[in-house]
């Protein structure tokens, strides 16, 4: 019998992979997150073991699998704020905060922080990146 369970496990899979379209290093994202943002979710069958989110503004690819499959902005029902330049682009998907909202009232970030601390956010599924929406807020003065 092997003693593999008595030793700490080390995941040999990198958490990042390069986008096949632009070459940028991209973070892993769950199939669960992707399924919340694609059009016709019922027709998508995840085939790859792992998926990644490309946040490069000029790249049309949003998600890609380690199998080479890609999903681009036209295949999604959600606007991808990090890929847009418009003032009304989403910053916080959990509470519907846009860049324009933040520019009008920077204190809106304090609201999002409070809601996040209270455990009332849903970033893992609401934000297309699967990460905390607070990371998408610009620094005051940007």
N, C-alpha and C. Protein backbone atom coordinates (compact mmCIF):
# COMPACT_ATOMS: atom_id res chain seq x y z
N UNK A 1 0.85 -1.18 0.00
CA UNK A 1 0.00 0.00 0.00
C UNK A 1 0.89 1.24 0.00
N UNK A 2 0.50 2.21 -0.76
CA UNK A 2 1.26 3.46 -0.89
C UNK A 2 1.01 4.36 0.32
N UNK A 3 2.00 5.21 0.62
CA UNK A 3 1.83 6.15 1.73
C UNK A 3 1.46 7.54 1.22
N UNK A 4 0.83 7.61 0.02
CA UNK A 4 0.52 8.91 -0.58
C UNK A 4 -0.42 9.75 0.28
N UNK A 5 -1.29 9.14 1.03
CA UNK A 5 -2.25 9.90 1.84
C UNK A 5 -1.63 10.44 3.12
N UNK A 6 -0.46 9.94 3.47
CA UNK A 6 0.18 10.42 4.70
C UNK A 6 1.07 11.62 4.45
N UNK A 7 1.27 11.98 3.16
CA UNK A 7 2.11 13.11 2.82
C UNK A 7 1.25 14.22 2.22
N UNK A 8 1.67 15.46 2.40
CA UNK A 8 0.89 16.56 1.81
C UNK A 8 0.84 16.44 0.29
N UNK A 9 -0.31 16.74 -0.26
CA UNK A 9 -0.48 16.69 -1.71
C UNK A 9 0.01 17.98 -2.33
N UNK A 10 0.62 17.87 -3.47
CA UNK A 10 1.08 19.05 -4.20
C UNK A 10 0.46 19.00 -5.58
N UNK A 11 -0.34 19.99 -5.90
CA UNK A 11 -0.96 20.07 -7.20
C UNK A 11 0.10 20.48 -8.21
N UNK A 12 0.33 19.61 -9.19
CA UNK A 12 1.36 19.90 -10.18
C UNK A 12 0.84 20.75 -11.33
N UNK A 13 -0.45 21.06 -11.32
CA UNK A 13 -1.04 21.88 -12.37
C UNK A 13 -0.85 23.36 -12.05
N UNK A 14 -0.33 24.13 -12.99
CA UNK A 14 -0.21 25.57 -12.73
C UNK A 14 -1.60 26.21 -12.69
N UNK A 15 -1.74 27.23 -11.85
CA UNK A 15 -3.01 27.95 -11.74
C UNK A 15 -3.18 28.97 -12.85
N UNK A 16 -2.15 29.13 -13.67
CA UNK A 16 -2.20 30.08 -14.79
C UNK A 16 -1.76 29.38 -16.06
N UNK A 17 -2.28 29.90 -17.15
CA UNK A 17 -1.91 29.37 -18.46
C UNK A 17 -1.99 30.51 -19.47
N UNK A 18 -1.23 30.44 -20.53
CA UNK A 18 -1.21 31.49 -21.54
C UNK A 18 -2.41 31.38 -22.48
N UNK A 19 -3.02 32.54 -22.76
CA UNK A 19 -4.16 32.60 -23.68
C UNK A 19 -3.68 32.18 -25.08
N UNK A 20 -4.42 31.30 -25.75
CA UNK A 20 -4.00 30.86 -27.08
C UNK A 20 -4.10 31.96 -28.14
N UNK A 21 -4.86 33.02 -27.86
CA UNK A 21 -5.03 34.10 -28.83
C UNK A 21 -4.02 35.22 -28.65
N UNK A 22 -3.79 35.65 -27.41
CA UNK A 22 -2.92 36.82 -27.19
C UNK A 22 -1.63 36.50 -26.44
N UNK A 23 -1.55 35.33 -25.84
CA UNK A 23 -0.34 34.94 -25.14
C UNK A 23 -0.22 35.44 -23.71
N UNK A 24 -1.20 36.20 -23.24
CA UNK A 24 -1.14 36.71 -21.87
C UNK A 24 -1.34 35.56 -20.88
N UNK A 25 -0.65 35.63 -19.75
CA UNK A 25 -0.83 34.64 -18.70
C UNK A 25 -2.17 34.89 -18.02
N UNK A 26 -2.97 33.85 -17.89
CA UNK A 26 -4.35 33.99 -17.40
C UNK A 26 -4.61 33.06 -16.21
N UNK A 27 -5.48 33.52 -15.32
CA UNK A 27 -5.81 32.78 -14.11
C UNK A 27 -6.90 31.74 -14.38
N UNK A 28 -6.85 30.69 -13.60
CA UNK A 28 -7.84 29.63 -13.71
C UNK A 28 -9.20 30.13 -13.23
N UNK A 29 -10.25 29.60 -13.85
CA UNK A 29 -11.63 29.94 -13.49
C UNK A 29 -12.44 28.64 -13.55
N UNK A 30 -13.48 28.56 -12.74
CA UNK A 30 -14.26 27.32 -12.69
C UNK A 30 -15.28 27.25 -13.83
N UNK A 31 -15.62 26.03 -14.20
CA UNK A 31 -16.68 25.81 -15.20
C UNK A 31 -18.00 26.37 -14.66
N UNK A 32 -18.17 26.34 -13.37
CA UNK A 32 -19.38 26.90 -12.74
C UNK A 32 -19.51 28.39 -13.05
N UNK A 33 -18.39 29.11 -12.93
CA UNK A 33 -18.40 30.54 -13.24
C UNK A 33 -18.76 30.76 -14.71
N UNK A 34 -18.12 30.02 -15.60
CA UNK A 34 -18.37 30.16 -17.04
C UNK A 34 -19.84 29.92 -17.34
N UNK A 35 -20.42 28.90 -16.74
CA UNK A 35 -21.81 28.55 -17.04
C UNK A 35 -22.79 29.66 -16.65
N UNK A 36 -22.38 30.57 -15.78
CA UNK A 36 -23.24 31.69 -15.41
C UNK A 36 -23.18 32.85 -16.40
N UNK A 37 -22.26 32.79 -17.36
CA UNK A 37 -22.05 33.92 -18.26
C UNK A 37 -22.23 33.62 -19.74
N UNK A 38 -22.25 32.37 -20.12
CA UNK A 38 -22.37 32.07 -21.54
C UNK A 38 -23.83 32.08 -21.97
N UNK A 39 -24.03 32.38 -23.25
CA UNK A 39 -25.36 32.30 -23.83
C UNK A 39 -25.72 30.82 -23.94
N UNK A 40 -26.95 30.52 -23.83
CA UNK A 40 -27.46 29.15 -23.97
C UNK A 40 -26.63 28.15 -23.17
N UNK A 41 -26.59 28.37 -21.88
CA UNK A 41 -25.83 27.51 -20.98
C UNK A 41 -26.16 26.04 -21.19
N UNK A 42 -27.40 25.77 -21.47
CA UNK A 42 -27.86 24.40 -21.64
C UNK A 42 -27.19 23.67 -22.81
N UNK A 43 -26.61 24.43 -23.74
CA UNK A 43 -25.97 23.78 -24.89
C UNK A 43 -24.45 23.67 -24.74
N UNK A 44 -23.91 24.12 -23.59
CA UNK A 44 -22.46 24.05 -23.37
C UNK A 44 -22.14 22.88 -22.48
N UNK A 45 -21.26 22.02 -22.95
CA UNK A 45 -20.79 20.90 -22.16
C UNK A 45 -19.30 21.08 -21.92
N UNK A 46 -18.90 21.35 -20.70
CA UNK A 46 -17.47 21.52 -20.42
C UNK A 46 -16.71 20.23 -20.75
N UNK A 47 -15.70 20.36 -21.59
CA UNK A 47 -14.92 19.19 -21.99
C UNK A 47 -13.53 19.19 -21.39
N UNK A 48 -13.00 20.36 -21.09
CA UNK A 48 -11.65 20.46 -20.53
C UNK A 48 -11.69 20.22 -19.03
N UNK A 49 -10.59 19.77 -18.50
CA UNK A 49 -10.48 19.58 -17.05
C UNK A 49 -10.34 20.92 -16.34
N UNK A 50 -9.71 21.90 -17.03
CA UNK A 50 -9.48 23.20 -16.41
C UNK A 50 -9.72 24.30 -17.44
N UNK A 51 -10.18 25.47 -16.92
CA UNK A 51 -10.47 26.62 -17.76
C UNK A 51 -9.77 27.85 -17.20
N UNK A 52 -9.60 28.86 -18.07
CA UNK A 52 -8.89 30.07 -17.70
C UNK A 52 -9.64 31.29 -18.23
N UNK A 53 -9.44 32.44 -17.55
CA UNK A 53 -10.09 33.71 -17.90
C UNK A 53 -9.03 34.66 -18.44
N UNK A 54 -9.22 35.15 -19.67
CA UNK A 54 -8.30 36.11 -20.26
C UNK A 54 -8.87 37.51 -20.05
N UNK A 55 -8.13 38.34 -19.30
CA UNK A 55 -8.60 39.69 -19.03
C UNK A 55 -7.88 40.74 -19.87
N UNK A 56 -7.19 40.31 -20.92
CA UNK A 56 -6.51 41.26 -21.81
C UNK A 56 -7.57 42.10 -22.54
N UNK A 57 -7.53 43.41 -22.40
CA UNK A 57 -8.57 44.27 -22.97
C UNK A 57 -8.76 44.13 -24.49
N UNK A 58 -7.70 43.90 -25.22
CA UNK A 58 -7.81 43.85 -26.67
C UNK A 58 -7.96 42.44 -27.23
N UNK A 59 -8.14 41.45 -26.38
CA UNK A 59 -8.28 40.06 -26.82
C UNK A 59 -9.77 39.68 -26.81
N UNK A 60 -10.25 39.11 -27.90
CA UNK A 60 -11.66 38.71 -27.99
C UNK A 60 -11.96 37.46 -27.15
N UNK A 61 -10.94 36.67 -26.84
CA UNK A 61 -11.13 35.46 -26.04
C UNK A 61 -11.37 35.87 -24.59
N UNK A 62 -12.39 35.27 -24.00
CA UNK A 62 -12.67 35.51 -22.58
C UNK A 62 -12.29 34.27 -21.78
N UNK A 63 -12.75 33.11 -22.22
CA UNK A 63 -12.45 31.86 -21.54
C UNK A 63 -11.77 30.90 -22.51
N UNK A 64 -10.88 30.08 -21.99
CA UNK A 64 -10.30 29.01 -22.80
C UNK A 64 -9.99 27.83 -21.91
N UNK A 65 -10.08 26.66 -22.52
CA UNK A 65 -9.79 25.43 -21.80
C UNK A 65 -8.41 24.94 -22.11
N UNK A 66 -7.90 24.08 -21.26
CA UNK A 66 -6.59 23.53 -21.52
C UNK A 66 -6.62 22.61 -22.74
N UNK A 67 -7.81 22.33 -23.24
CA UNK A 67 -7.96 21.52 -24.45
C UNK A 67 -7.91 22.38 -25.72
N UNK A 68 -7.75 23.70 -25.56
CA UNK A 68 -7.66 24.61 -26.70
C UNK A 68 -8.98 25.26 -27.09
N UNK A 69 -10.08 24.83 -26.52
CA UNK A 69 -11.38 25.43 -26.82
C UNK A 69 -11.43 26.86 -26.26
N UNK A 70 -12.09 27.76 -26.99
CA UNK A 70 -12.20 29.14 -26.55
C UNK A 70 -13.65 29.61 -26.58
N UNK A 71 -13.94 30.57 -25.73
CA UNK A 71 -15.22 31.28 -25.73
C UNK A 71 -14.88 32.76 -25.80
N UNK A 72 -15.51 33.47 -26.74
CA UNK A 72 -15.21 34.90 -26.88
C UNK A 72 -16.39 35.75 -26.42
N UNK A 73 -16.20 37.05 -26.46
CA UNK A 73 -17.21 37.98 -25.94
C UNK A 73 -18.56 37.81 -26.62
N UNK A 74 -18.58 37.49 -27.90
CA UNK A 74 -19.84 37.32 -28.62
C UNK A 74 -20.63 36.10 -28.14
N UNK A 75 -19.99 35.17 -27.47
CA UNK A 75 -20.65 33.96 -26.99
C UNK A 75 -21.17 34.11 -25.55
N UNK A 76 -21.00 35.30 -24.98
CA UNK A 76 -21.42 35.51 -23.60
C UNK A 76 -22.63 36.42 -23.53
N UNK A 77 -23.37 36.30 -22.46
CA UNK A 77 -24.52 37.18 -22.23
C UNK A 77 -24.17 38.29 -21.25
N UNK A 78 -22.99 38.21 -20.67
CA UNK A 78 -22.53 39.18 -19.69
C UNK A 78 -21.48 40.10 -20.33
N UNK A 79 -21.58 41.37 -20.03
CA UNK A 79 -20.54 42.32 -20.45
C UNK A 79 -19.29 42.06 -19.62
N UNK A 80 -18.15 42.10 -20.26
CA UNK A 80 -16.88 41.85 -19.57
C UNK A 80 -16.20 43.20 -19.36
N UNK A 81 -16.39 43.76 -18.18
CA UNK A 81 -15.94 45.12 -17.87
C UNK A 81 -14.47 45.36 -18.13
N UNK A 82 -13.61 44.40 -17.83
CA UNK A 82 -12.17 44.60 -18.02
C UNK A 82 -11.79 44.66 -19.49
N UNK A 83 -12.70 44.29 -20.37
CA UNK A 83 -12.43 44.33 -21.81
C UNK A 83 -13.09 45.52 -22.49
N UNK A 84 -13.71 46.38 -21.70
CA UNK A 84 -14.41 47.55 -22.25
C UNK A 84 -13.74 48.84 -21.80
N UNK A 85 -14.02 49.89 -22.55
CA UNK A 85 -13.51 51.21 -22.21
C UNK A 85 -14.62 52.18 -21.79
N UNK A 86 -15.87 51.80 -21.99
CA UNK A 86 -17.01 52.67 -21.70
C UNK A 86 -17.12 52.97 -20.21
N UNK A 87 -17.59 54.16 -19.89
CA UNK A 87 -17.77 54.55 -18.49
C UNK A 87 -18.83 53.73 -17.77
N UNK A 88 -19.77 53.17 -18.53
CA UNK A 88 -20.83 52.38 -17.89
C UNK A 88 -20.46 50.90 -17.77
N UNK A 89 -19.18 50.57 -17.99
CA UNK A 89 -18.75 49.17 -17.88
C UNK A 89 -18.88 48.69 -16.44
N UNK A 90 -19.20 47.42 -16.27
CA UNK A 90 -19.37 46.89 -14.91
C UNK A 90 -18.05 46.80 -14.15
N UNK A 91 -18.11 47.18 -12.88
CA UNK A 91 -17.00 46.97 -11.95
C UNK A 91 -17.37 45.88 -10.96
N UNK A 92 -18.55 46.02 -10.37
CA UNK A 92 -19.03 45.05 -9.39
C UNK A 92 -20.29 44.39 -9.93
N UNK A 93 -20.16 43.13 -10.25
CA UNK A 93 -21.28 42.37 -10.80
C UNK A 93 -22.27 41.97 -9.72
N UNK A 94 -21.81 41.86 -8.50
CA UNK A 94 -22.67 41.44 -7.40
C UNK A 94 -23.74 42.48 -7.07
N UNK A 95 -23.36 43.76 -7.14
CA UNK A 95 -24.26 44.82 -6.72
C UNK A 95 -24.55 45.82 -7.84
N UNK A 96 -24.19 45.49 -9.07
CA UNK A 96 -24.52 46.31 -10.22
C UNK A 96 -23.83 47.67 -10.26
N UNK A 97 -22.59 47.75 -9.82
CA UNK A 97 -21.87 49.02 -9.79
C UNK A 97 -21.03 49.15 -11.05
N UNK A 98 -21.20 50.28 -11.74
CA UNK A 98 -20.42 50.56 -12.95
C UNK A 98 -19.28 51.52 -12.62
N UNK A 99 -18.39 51.68 -13.58
CA UNK A 99 -17.32 52.66 -13.43
C UNK A 99 -17.91 54.06 -13.25
N UNK A 100 -18.96 54.36 -14.01
CA UNK A 100 -19.60 55.68 -13.90
C UNK A 100 -20.16 55.90 -12.49
N UNK A 101 -20.76 54.86 -11.90
CA UNK A 101 -21.27 54.96 -10.52
C UNK A 101 -20.13 55.30 -9.57
N UNK A 102 -19.01 54.61 -9.73
CA UNK A 102 -17.85 54.83 -8.87
C UNK A 102 -17.26 56.22 -9.08
N UNK A 103 -17.23 56.69 -10.32
CA UNK A 103 -16.69 58.02 -10.60
C UNK A 103 -17.57 59.11 -9.99
N UNK A 104 -18.90 58.91 -10.00
CA UNK A 104 -19.83 59.87 -9.40
C UNK A 104 -19.73 59.86 -7.88
N UNK A 105 -19.53 58.65 -7.33
CA UNK A 105 -19.52 58.51 -5.87
C UNK A 105 -18.52 57.43 -5.45
N UNK A 106 -17.27 57.80 -5.23
CA UNK A 106 -16.26 56.82 -4.86
C UNK A 106 -16.59 56.03 -3.59
N UNK A 107 -17.50 56.56 -2.76
CA UNK A 107 -17.89 55.86 -1.54
C UNK A 107 -18.66 54.57 -1.83
N UNK A 108 -19.08 54.39 -3.08
CA UNK A 108 -19.77 53.15 -3.44
C UNK A 108 -18.85 51.95 -3.20
N UNK A 109 -17.54 52.17 -3.31
CA UNK A 109 -16.59 51.08 -3.04
C UNK A 109 -16.67 50.66 -1.57
N UNK A 110 -16.89 51.62 -0.67
CA UNK A 110 -17.04 51.29 0.75
C UNK A 110 -18.26 50.39 0.98
N UNK A 111 -19.33 50.68 0.24
CA UNK A 111 -20.52 49.84 0.31
C UNK A 111 -20.19 48.41 -0.11
N UNK A 112 -19.48 48.27 -1.24
CA UNK A 112 -19.12 46.94 -1.75
C UNK A 112 -18.20 46.22 -0.76
N UNK A 113 -17.27 46.95 -0.17
CA UNK A 113 -16.38 46.36 0.84
C UNK A 113 -17.20 45.83 2.01
N UNK A 114 -18.14 46.63 2.50
CA UNK A 114 -18.98 46.22 3.64
C UNK A 114 -19.82 44.99 3.30
N UNK A 115 -20.38 44.97 2.11
CA UNK A 115 -21.20 43.83 1.70
C UNK A 115 -20.34 42.56 1.57
N UNK A 116 -19.14 42.74 1.05
CA UNK A 116 -18.22 41.61 0.89
C UNK A 116 -17.81 41.07 2.25
N UNK A 117 -17.47 41.96 3.18
CA UNK A 117 -17.11 41.53 4.54
C UNK A 117 -18.26 40.81 5.22
N UNK A 118 -19.49 41.20 4.90
CA UNK A 118 -20.68 40.57 5.49
C UNK A 118 -21.02 39.25 4.79
N UNK A 119 -20.26 38.90 3.77
CA UNK A 119 -20.50 37.63 3.06
C UNK A 119 -21.68 37.68 2.12
N UNK A 120 -22.08 38.88 1.68
CA UNK A 120 -23.26 39.02 0.85
C UNK A 120 -22.95 39.12 -0.65
N UNK A 121 -21.69 38.95 -1.01
CA UNK A 121 -21.33 39.02 -2.43
C UNK A 121 -21.42 37.63 -3.06
N UNK A 122 -21.35 37.60 -4.37
CA UNK A 122 -21.38 36.33 -5.11
C UNK A 122 -20.37 36.38 -6.25
N UNK A 123 -19.20 36.91 -5.94
CA UNK A 123 -18.16 37.13 -6.96
C UNK A 123 -17.80 35.86 -7.73
N UNK A 124 -17.74 34.74 -7.04
CA UNK A 124 -17.30 33.50 -7.69
C UNK A 124 -18.13 33.16 -8.92
N UNK A 125 -19.42 33.50 -8.88
CA UNK A 125 -20.26 33.23 -10.04
C UNK A 125 -20.68 34.50 -10.77
N UNK A 126 -20.90 35.59 -10.06
CA UNK A 126 -21.37 36.82 -10.70
C UNK A 126 -20.31 37.52 -11.54
N UNK A 127 -19.07 37.53 -11.04
CA UNK A 127 -17.99 38.18 -11.78
C UNK A 127 -17.45 37.17 -12.80
N UNK A 128 -17.39 37.54 -14.08
CA UNK A 128 -16.92 36.59 -15.10
C UNK A 128 -15.51 36.06 -14.85
N UNK A 129 -14.70 36.79 -14.08
CA UNK A 129 -13.35 36.33 -13.78
C UNK A 129 -13.34 35.30 -12.65
N UNK A 130 -14.44 35.23 -11.90
CA UNK A 130 -14.51 34.33 -10.76
C UNK A 130 -13.77 34.85 -9.54
N UNK A 131 -13.27 36.08 -9.63
CA UNK A 131 -12.51 36.66 -8.52
C UNK A 131 -13.32 37.79 -7.88
N UNK A 132 -12.82 38.30 -6.79
CA UNK A 132 -13.50 39.37 -6.07
C UNK A 132 -13.62 40.62 -6.94
N UNK A 133 -14.80 41.19 -6.99
CA UNK A 133 -15.06 42.40 -7.77
C UNK A 133 -14.24 43.60 -7.29
N UNK A 134 -13.84 43.61 -6.04
CA UNK A 134 -13.08 44.74 -5.51
C UNK A 134 -11.76 44.93 -6.26
N UNK A 135 -11.24 43.88 -6.85
CA UNK A 135 -9.99 43.98 -7.61
C UNK A 135 -10.16 44.78 -8.90
N UNK A 136 -11.40 44.94 -9.34
CA UNK A 136 -11.67 45.66 -10.60
C UNK A 136 -11.86 47.16 -10.39
N UNK A 137 -11.96 47.60 -9.14
CA UNK A 137 -12.12 49.03 -8.87
C UNK A 137 -10.79 49.73 -9.09
N UNK A 138 -10.81 50.89 -9.78
CA UNK A 138 -9.57 51.64 -9.93
C UNK A 138 -9.22 52.32 -8.61
N UNK A 139 -7.95 52.62 -8.47
CA UNK A 139 -7.53 53.41 -7.31
C UNK A 139 -8.10 54.80 -7.47
N UNK A 140 -8.47 55.45 -6.38
CA UNK A 140 -8.98 56.82 -6.46
C UNK A 140 -7.89 57.69 -7.04
N UNK A 141 -8.24 58.45 -8.08
CA UNK A 141 -7.28 59.30 -8.76
C UNK A 141 -6.85 58.73 -10.10
N UNK A 142 -7.18 57.44 -10.36
CA UNK A 142 -6.84 56.84 -11.67
C UNK A 142 -7.71 57.38 -12.77
